[in-house]
Amino acid sequence: MDAGSVNREARLADAVAVVRAHLDPTPLVRVDLAGFAAPAFLKLEGLQPTGSFKVRGALAAVAAAARDGRPVVTASAGNHGLGVAFAATRLGAPVTVVVPETASAAKIEALRGFDIDLRLIGTGYDAAEEAALTIAEVSGAQFVSGYADPDVIAGQATIAREIADHVPPGF
């Protein structure tokens, strides 16, 4: 196994541990589809506390940054930011979430319910992300991308681990 594989495995193990510590497994529901011999399964991630699977990656990334003693800055149009805000609250970590001024009013209101530094910057995601990158650079915080951070990716991969643990034998 090369060093990259070991690092990925360690990252996934860390992500599984933090997700298991802070989230209950979501149900796996069997669905029989007409015309298909084998059943399918739906993982009900909409039942997560933030309404999205994004909380998994956020927990993994915020926990990793906290182990390094670094605050987190992220950009989001909503779900990733909610996940990071939830993670910050659960882990007692300092977090800044930058969302565009045009983000969903419901998402902004939900974010205001968390003890985070919420900043509304720009008229779209790209401007919010650019601002978040600048804030992270100036402050020395860890920028956590909702789509390109290795800890976020490991956290999202915990879904596969749960599925493997819960799919009935013989499937």
C-alpha atoms as a PDB file:
ATOM      1  CA  MET A   1       0.000   0.000   0.000  1.00  0.00           C
ATOM      2  CA  ASP A   2       1.411   3.398  -0.917  1.00  0.00           C
ATOM      3  CA  ALA A   3       1.523   6.391   1.438  1.00  0.00           C
ATOM      4  CA  GLY A   4      -1.470   8.007  -0.260  1.00  0.00           C
ATOM      5  CA  SER A   5      -3.584   4.912   0.354  1.00  0.00           C
ATOM      6  CA  VAL A   6      -2.550   4.779   4.005  1.00  0.00           C
ATOM      7  CA  ASN A   7      -3.399   8.460   4.408  1.00  0.00           C
ATOM      8  CA  ARG A   8      -6.826   7.931   2.776  1.00  0.00           C
ATOM      9  CA  GLU A   9      -7.521   4.926   5.008  1.00  0.00           C
ATOM     10  CA  ALA A  10      -6.516   6.865   8.133  1.00  0.00           C
ATOM     11  CA  ARG A  11      -8.651   9.813   7.052  1.00  0.00           C
ATOM     12  CA  LEU A  12     -11.629   7.525   6.477  1.00  0.00           C
ATOM     13  CA  ALA A  13     -11.125   5.824   9.853  1.00  0.00           C
ATOM     14  CA  ASP A  14     -11.034   9.238  11.566  1.00  0.00           C
ATOM     15  CA  ALA A  15     -14.154  10.322   9.668  1.00  0.00           C
ATOM     16  CA  VAL A  16     -16.034   7.136  10.591  1.00  0.00           C
ATOM     17  CA  ALA A  17     -15.140   7.641  14.259  1.00  0.00           C
ATOM     18  CA  VAL A  18     -16.312  11.268  14.412  1.00  0.00           C
ATOM     19  CA  VAL A  19     -19.486  10.621  12.400  1.00  0.00           C
ATOM     20  CA  ARG A  20     -20.397   7.647  14.603  1.00  0.00           C
ATOM     21  CA  ALA A  21     -19.784   9.750  17.709  1.00  0.00           C
ATOM     22  CA  HIS A  22     -22.087  12.580  16.602  1.00  0.00           C
ATOM     23  CA  LEU A  23     -24.700  11.159  14.216  1.00  0.00           C
ATOM     24  CA  ASP A  24     -27.071   8.239  14.356  1.00  0.00           C
ATOM     25  CA  PRO A  25     -27.012   6.035  11.240  1.00  0.00           C
ATOM     26  CA  THR A  26     -29.763   7.011   8.832  1.00  0.00           C
ATOM     27  CA  PRO A  27     -32.244   4.332   7.786  1.00  0.00           C
ATOM     28  CA  LEU A  28     -31.585   2.148   4.792  1.00  0.00           C
ATOM     29  CA  VAL A  29     -34.896   1.373   3.099  1.00  0.00           C
ATOM     30  CA  ARG A  30     -35.384  -1.469   0.635  1.00  0.00           C
ATOM     31  CA  VAL A  31     -37.202  -0.516  -2.557  1.00  0.00           C
ATOM     32  CA  ASP A  32     -38.433  -3.050  -5.106  1.00  0.00           C
ATOM     33  CA  LEU A  33     -38.370  -1.453  -8.534  1.00  0.00           C
ATOM     34  CA  ALA A  34     -40.644  -2.695 -11.283  1.00  0.00           C
ATOM     35  CA  GLY A  35     -38.671  -4.484 -13.987  1.00  0.00           C
ATOM     36  CA  PHE A  36     -35.595  -5.123 -11.830  1.00  0.00           C
ATOM     37  CA  ALA A  37     -34.876  -8.515 -10.288  1.00  0.00           C
ATOM     38  CA  ALA A  38     -32.796  -7.150  -7.432  1.00  0.00           C
ATOM     39  CA  PRO A  39     -34.018  -4.617  -4.887  1.00  0.00           C
ATOM     40  CA  ALA A  40     -32.486  -1.205  -4.424  1.00  0.00           C
ATOM     41  CA  PHE A  41     -31.847   0.565  -1.139  1.00  0.00           C
ATOM     42  CA  LEU A  42     -32.371   4.226  -0.273  1.00  0.00           C
ATOM     43  CA  LYS A  43     -30.209   5.879   2.381  1.00  0.00           C
ATOM     44  CA  LEU A  44     -32.416   8.526   4.018  1.00  0.00           C
ATOM     45  CA  GLU A  45     -29.837  11.285   4.498  1.00  0.00           C
ATOM     46  CA  GLY A  46     -32.561  13.922   4.550  1.00  0.00           C
ATOM     47  CA  LEU A  47     -33.101  12.787   8.154  1.00  0.00           C
ATOM     48  CA  GLN A  48     -29.721  14.141   9.236  1.00  0.00           C
ATOM     49  CA  PRO A  49     -29.966  17.000  11.783  1.00  0.00           C
ATOM     50  CA  THR A  50     -29.170  19.524   9.038  1.00  0.00           C
ATOM     51  CA  GLY A  51     -31.340  17.804   6.404  1.00  0.00           C
ATOM     52  CA  SER A  52     -28.414  16.737   4.218  1.00  0.00           C
ATOM     53  CA  PHE A  53     -25.521  14.279   3.956  1.00  0.00           C
ATOM     54  CA  LYS A  54     -23.191  17.309   3.954  1.00  0.00           C
ATOM     55  CA  VAL A  55     -23.019  17.186   7.760  1.00  0.00           C
ATOM     56  CA  ARG A  56     -20.855  14.033   7.503  1.00  0.00           C
ATOM     57  CA  GLY A  57     -18.025  15.740   5.649  1.00  0.00           C
ATOM     58  CA  ALA A  58     -18.345  18.838   7.779  1.00  0.00           C
ATOM     59  CA  LEU A  59     -17.908  16.846  10.995  1.00  0.00           C
ATOM     60  CA  ALA A  60     -14.814  15.106   9.613  1.00  0.00           C
ATOM     61  CA  ALA A  61     -13.223  18.344   8.396  1.00  0.00           C
ATOM     62  CA  VAL A  62     -13.983  20.443  11.470  1.00  0.00           C
ATOM     63  CA  ALA A  63     -12.716  17.636  13.730  1.00  0.00           C
ATOM     64  CA  ALA A  64      -9.465  17.403  11.714  1.00  0.00           C
ATOM     65  CA  ALA A  65      -8.919  21.166  11.906  1.00  0.00           C
ATOM     66  CA  ALA A  66      -9.681  21.143  15.643  1.00  0.00           C
ATOM     67  CA  ARG A  67      -7.051  18.410  16.181  1.00  0.00           C
ATOM     68  CA  ASP A  68      -4.571  20.785  14.529  1.00  0.00           C
ATOM     69  CA  GLY A  69      -5.814  23.670  16.703  1.00  0.00           C
ATOM     70  CA  ARG A  70      -7.057  25.674  13.726  1.00  0.00           C
ATOM     71  CA  PRO A  71     -10.326  27.537  13.315  1.00  0.00           C
ATOM     72  CA  VAL A  72     -12.300  26.864  10.139  1.00  0.00           C
ATOM     73  CA  VAL A  73     -13.529  29.139   7.378  1.00  0.00           C
ATOM     74  CA  THR A  74     -15.836  27.867   4.676  1.00  0.00           C
ATOM     75  CA  ALA A  75     -18.045  29.103   1.876  1.00  0.00           C
ATOM     76  CA  SER A  76     -21.463  27.682   1.187  1.00  0.00           C
ATOM     77  CA  ALA A  77     -24.732  28.295  -0.524  1.00  0.00           C
ATOM     78  CA  GLY A  78     -26.448  26.468   2.352  1.00  0.00           C
ATOM     79  CA  ASN A  79     -26.148  22.754   3.126  1.00  0.00           C
ATOM     80  CA  HIS A  80     -22.371  22.568   3.574  1.00  0.00           C
ATOM     81  CA  GLY A  81     -22.482  25.692   5.746  1.00  0.00           C
ATOM     82  CA  LEU A  82     -25.214  24.166   7.893  1.00  0.00           C
ATOM     83  CA  GLY A  83     -23.122  21.028   8.277  1.00  0.00           C
ATOM     84  CA  VAL A  84     -20.054  23.031   9.293  1.00  0.00           C
ATOM     85  CA  ALA A  85     -22.132  25.106  11.733  1.00  0.00           C
ATOM     86  CA  PHE A  86     -23.560  21.927  13.279  1.00  0.00           C
ATOM     87  CA  ALA A  87     -20.069  20.411  13.511  1.00  0.00           C
ATOM     88  CA  ALA A  88     -18.662  23.565  15.117  1.00  0.00           C
ATOM     89  CA  THR A  89     -21.409  23.516  17.709  1.00  0.00           C
ATOM     90  CA  ARG A  90     -20.966  19.805  18.503  1.00  0.00           C
ATOM     91  CA  LEU A  91     -17.175  20.039  18.643  1.00  0.00           C
ATOM     92  CA  GLY A  92     -16.877  23.474  20.259  1.00  0.00           C
ATOM     93  CA  ALA A  93     -14.790  24.726  17.344  1.00  0.00           C
ATOM     94  CA  PRO A  94     -14.545  28.294  16.033  1.00  0.00           C
ATOM     95  CA  VAL A  95     -16.014  28.600  12.541  1.00  0.00           C
ATOM     96  CA  THR A  96     -16.692  31.331  10.014  1.00  0.00           C
ATOM     97  CA  VAL A  97     -19.277  30.535   7.336  1.00  0.00           C
ATOM     98  CA  VAL A  98     -19.439  32.824   4.311  1.00  0.00           C
ATOM     99  CA  VAL A  99     -22.603  32.665   2.223  1.00  0.00           C
ATOM    100  CA  PRO A 100     -23.665  34.812  -0.697  1.00  0.00           C
ATOM    101  CA  GLU A 101     -26.184  37.549   0.028  1.00  0.00           C
ATOM    102  CA  THR A 102     -28.483  35.741  -2.417  1.00  0.00           C
ATOM    103  CA  ALA A 103     -28.498  32.470  -0.444  1.00  0.00           C
ATOM    104  CA  SER A 104     -31.812  30.974   0.563  1.00  0.00           C
ATOM    105  CA  ALA A 105     -33.436  32.989   3.336  1.00  0.00           C
ATOM    106  CA  ALA A 106     -34.318  29.717   5.078  1.00  0.00           C
ATOM    107  CA  LYS A 107     -30.661  28.590   5.016  1.00  0.00           C
ATOM    108  CA  ILE A 108     -29.444  31.955   6.319  1.00  0.00           C
ATOM    109  CA  GLU A 109     -32.009  31.874   9.124  1.00  0.00           C
ATOM    110  CA  ALA A 110     -30.994  28.316  10.040  1.00  0.00           C
ATOM    111  CA  LEU A 111     -27.315  29.345  10.082  1.00  0.00           C
ATOM    112  CA  ARG A 112     -28.145  32.216  12.432  1.00  0.00           C
ATOM    113  CA  GLY A 113     -29.309  29.608  14.945  1.00  0.00           C
ATOM    114  CA  PHE A 114     -25.719  28.403  15.440  1.00  0.00           C
ATOM    115  CA  ASP A 115     -22.917  30.028  17.430  1.00  0.00           C
ATOM    116  CA  ILE A 116     -20.750  30.827  14.393  1.00  0.00           C
ATOM    117  CA  ASP A 117     -19.335  33.863  12.642  1.00  0.00           C
ATOM    118  CA  LEU A 118     -21.788  34.170   9.737  1.00  0.00           C
ATOM    119  CA  ARG A 119     -20.880  36.540   6.927  1.00  0.00           C
ATOM    120  CA  LEU A 120     -23.038  37.369   3.904  1.00  0.00           C
ATOM    121  CA  ILE A 121     -20.692  38.392   1.111  1.00  0.00           C
ATOM    122  CA  GLY A 122     -21.208  38.686  -2.633  1.00  0.00           C
ATOM    123  CA  THR A 123     -24.043  37.958  -4.993  1.00  0.00           C
ATOM    124  CA  GLY A 124     -23.080  34.377  -5.794  1.00  0.00           C
ATOM    125  CA  TYR A 125     -21.153  31.383  -4.553  1.00  0.00           C
ATOM    126  CA  ASP A 126     -17.914  32.286  -6.374  1.00  0.00           C
ATOM    127  CA  ALA A 127     -17.702  35.650  -4.605  1.00  0.00           C
ATOM    128  CA  ALA A 128     -18.453  34.040  -1.230  1.00  0.00           C
ATOM    129  CA  GLU A 129     -15.764  31.412  -1.800  1.00  0.00           C
ATOM    130  CA  GLU A 130     -13.216  34.040  -2.833  1.00  0.00           C
ATOM    131  CA  ALA A 131     -13.991  36.020   0.329  1.00  0.00           C
ATOM    132  CA  ALA A 132     -13.730  32.893   2.495  1.00  0.00           C
ATOM    133  CA  LEU A 133     -10.344  32.028   0.992  1.00  0.00           C
ATOM    134  CA  THR A 134      -9.122  35.553   1.752  1.00  0.00           C
ATOM    135  CA  ILE A 135     -10.432  35.410   5.325  1.00  0.00           C
ATOM    136  CA  ALA A 136      -8.696  32.064   5.870  1.00  0.00           C
ATOM    137  CA  GLU A 137      -5.413  33.342   4.428  1.00  0.00           C
ATOM    138  CA  VAL A 138      -5.422  36.523   6.508  1.00  0.00           C
ATOM    139  CA  SER A 139      -6.510  34.821   9.744  1.00  0.00           C
ATOM    140  CA  GLY A 140      -4.515  31.605   9.434  1.00  0.00           C
ATOM    141  CA  ALA A 141      -7.699  29.540   9.624  1.00  0.00           C
ATOM    142  CA  GLN A 142      -8.204  26.298   7.729  1.00  0.00           C
ATOM    143  CA  PHE A 143     -10.313  26.782   4.587  1.00  0.00           C
ATOM    144  CA  VAL A 144     -12.693  23.830   4.230  1.00  0.00           C
ATOM    145  CA  SER A 145     -14.062  23.358   0.737  1.00  0.00           C
ATOM    146  CA  GLY A 146     -17.464  21.727   0.512  1.00  0.00           C
ATOM    147  CA  TYR A 147     -16.364  19.796  -2.562  1.00  0.00           C
ATOM    148  CA  ALA A 148     -12.557  19.512  -2.681  1.00  0.00           C
ATOM    149  CA  ASP A 149     -11.375  18.971   0.895  1.00  0.00           C
ATOM    150  CA  PRO A 150      -9.974  15.480   1.598  1.00  0.00           C
ATOM    151  CA  ASP A 151     -11.565  15.341   5.065  1.00  0.00           C
ATOM    152  CA  VAL A 152     -14.940  16.405   3.663  1.00  0.00           C
ATOM    153  CA  ILE A 153     -14.650  13.667   1.041  1.00  0.00           C
ATOM    154  CA  ALA A 154     -13.755  11.100   3.722  1.00  0.00           C
ATOM    155  CA  GLY A 155     -16.751  12.209   5.767  1.00  0.00           C
ATOM    156  CA  GLN A 156     -19.100  11.794   2.819  1.00  0.00           C
ATOM    157  CA  ALA A 157     -17.618   8.319   2.246  1.00  0.00           C
ATOM    158  CA  THR A 158     -18.918   7.240   5.645  1.00  0.00           C
ATOM    159  CA  ILE A 159     -22.242   6.725   3.874  1.00  0.00           C
ATOM    160  CA  ALA A 160     -20.720   3.776   2.000  1.00  0.00           C
ATOM    161  CA  ARG A 161     -19.403   2.312   5.257  1.00  0.00           C
ATOM    162  CA  GLU A 162     -22.868   2.516   6.824  1.00  0.00           C
ATOM    163  CA  ILE A 163     -24.447   0.931   3.774  1.00  0.00           C
ATOM    164  CA  ALA A 164     -21.933  -1.929   3.860  1.00  0.00           C
ATOM    165  CA  ASP A 165     -22.680  -2.421   7.585  1.00  0.00           C
ATOM    166  CA  HIS A 166     -26.457  -2.515   7.073  1.00  0.00           C
ATOM    167  CA  VAL A 167     -27.231  -4.133   3.734  1.00  0.00           C
ATOM    168  CA  PRO A 168     -28.817  -7.505   4.443  1.00  0.00           C
ATOM    169  CA  PRO A 169     -26.629 -10.602   3.939  1.00  0.00           C
ATOM    170  CA  GLY A 170     -26.825 -12.112   0.489  1.00  0.00           C
ATOM    171  CA  PHE A 171     -27.605  -8.897  -1.329  1.00  0.00           C
END
